[in-house]
Structure formats: C-alpha cells, structure tokens
C-alpha cells in the first residue's frame, strides 16, 4: 500500500539522492524507495554482534561495582 508523506533530508543525503536521480533518471519516490530497500538489504546481511571473551583467571563478584573496579583495576584508579 503506497504511503504519502513529507520528509526532510540532511544535506549529505539530499546530495546523494540528487546524484542517484541524475545518474539513473529516477524520480524522487523511486530513488528513495531504491535507497531504503538497499539499506534494508545491507542491514539484514550484517552479522549479529558477538562479544569475544578471554579468561582472566579470577572470579569477581559484580554485585558491588566499586569493589569490582578495585579488584580489576586497583584502588588507585578512583
């Protein structure tokens, strides 16, 4: 279902949109739809974030944040 709305583009996005329209002959709506679809496809190709971890050789109770910082970084960091 088509949707009609008014949007404001930042200067860099407006320049990119104008360049795309000039290069391809697309209208505004067609160019915006093209870029939105391209952005959606790129974001779905991204790998999910995965945190890399390394064993520290110690166990730390993190229920007290200040104490945890002292254990990990030393009390002189405060």
Protein backbone atom coordinates (compact mmCIF):
# COMPACT_ATOMS: atom_id res chain seq x y z
CA UNK A 1 0.00 0.00 0.00
CA UNK A 2 1.61 3.30 -1.07
CA UNK A 3 2.12 5.91 1.62
CA UNK A 4 2.43 9.64 1.02
CA UNK A 5 4.43 11.71 3.49
CA UNK A 6 6.75 14.69 3.70
CA UNK A 7 10.34 14.06 4.72
CA UNK A 8 13.33 16.33 5.21
CA UNK A 9 16.75 15.10 4.09
CA UNK A 10 20.04 16.10 5.67
CA UNK A 11 22.33 17.87 3.19
CA UNK A 12 24.53 14.83 2.56
CA UNK A 13 21.52 12.57 1.98
CA UNK A 14 19.91 15.14 -0.32
CA UNK A 15 23.12 15.35 -2.38
CA UNK A 16 23.33 11.55 -2.64
CA UNK A 17 19.67 11.38 -3.65
CA UNK A 18 20.15 14.10 -6.29
CA UNK A 19 23.22 12.28 -7.65
CA UNK A 20 21.31 8.99 -7.88
CA UNK A 21 18.42 10.69 -9.65
CA UNK A 22 20.78 12.41 -12.09
CA UNK A 23 22.70 9.20 -12.82
CA UNK A 24 19.63 6.98 -13.25
CA UNK A 25 16.81 9.29 -14.27
CA UNK A 26 14.70 8.04 -11.34
CA UNK A 27 12.01 10.17 -9.78
CA UNK A 28 12.20 11.17 -6.13
CA UNK A 29 9.88 8.42 -4.86
CA UNK A 30 11.56 5.75 -6.94
CA UNK A 31 15.04 6.82 -5.78
CA UNK A 32 14.02 6.97 -2.12
CA UNK A 33 12.44 3.51 -2.33
CA UNK A 34 15.57 2.18 -4.04
CA UNK A 35 17.82 3.55 -1.29
CA UNK A 36 15.56 2.32 1.51
CA UNK A 37 15.49 -1.18 0.03
CA UNK A 38 19.26 -1.14 -0.41
CA UNK A 39 19.72 -0.07 3.23
CA UNK A 40 17.34 -2.76 4.47
CA UNK A 41 19.15 -5.43 2.47
CA UNK A 42 22.54 -4.29 3.78
CA UNK A 43 21.39 -4.35 7.39
CA UNK A 44 19.97 -7.86 7.05
CA UNK A 45 23.33 -9.09 5.71
CA UNK A 46 25.18 -7.85 8.79
CA UNK A 47 26.41 -10.46 11.21
CA UNK A 48 24.94 -10.28 14.71
CA UNK A 49 27.22 -8.83 17.37
CA UNK A 50 29.28 -11.39 19.23
CA UNK A 51 31.34 -10.45 22.29
CA UNK A 52 34.78 -12.02 22.39
CA UNK A 53 35.84 -13.05 25.87
CA UNK A 54 39.08 -14.20 27.44
CA UNK A 55 39.57 -15.96 30.78
CA UNK A 56 41.10 -13.65 33.39
CA UNK A 57 41.97 -16.41 35.82
CA UNK A 58 39.96 -14.80 38.61
CA UNK A 59 36.34 -14.81 39.70
CA UNK A 60 34.77 -11.48 40.61
CA UNK A 61 31.51 -10.82 42.40
CA UNK A 62 29.97 -7.96 40.40
CA UNK A 63 27.16 -7.20 42.84
CA UNK A 64 29.26 -4.30 44.23
CA UNK A 65 30.52 -2.20 41.33
CA UNK A 66 33.06 -0.13 43.31
CA UNK A 67 34.59 -3.25 44.83
CA UNK A 68 34.72 -4.93 41.42
CA UNK A 69 36.60 -1.94 39.95
CA UNK A 70 39.05 -2.08 42.87
CA UNK A 71 39.66 -5.78 42.26
CA UNK A 72 40.12 -5.39 38.49
CA UNK A 73 41.92 -2.04 38.27
CA UNK A 74 43.20 -1.35 41.79
CA UNK A 75 42.04 1.23 44.30
CA UNK A 76 44.40 3.91 42.89
CA UNK A 77 42.16 4.37 39.83
CA UNK A 78 39.49 6.21 41.79
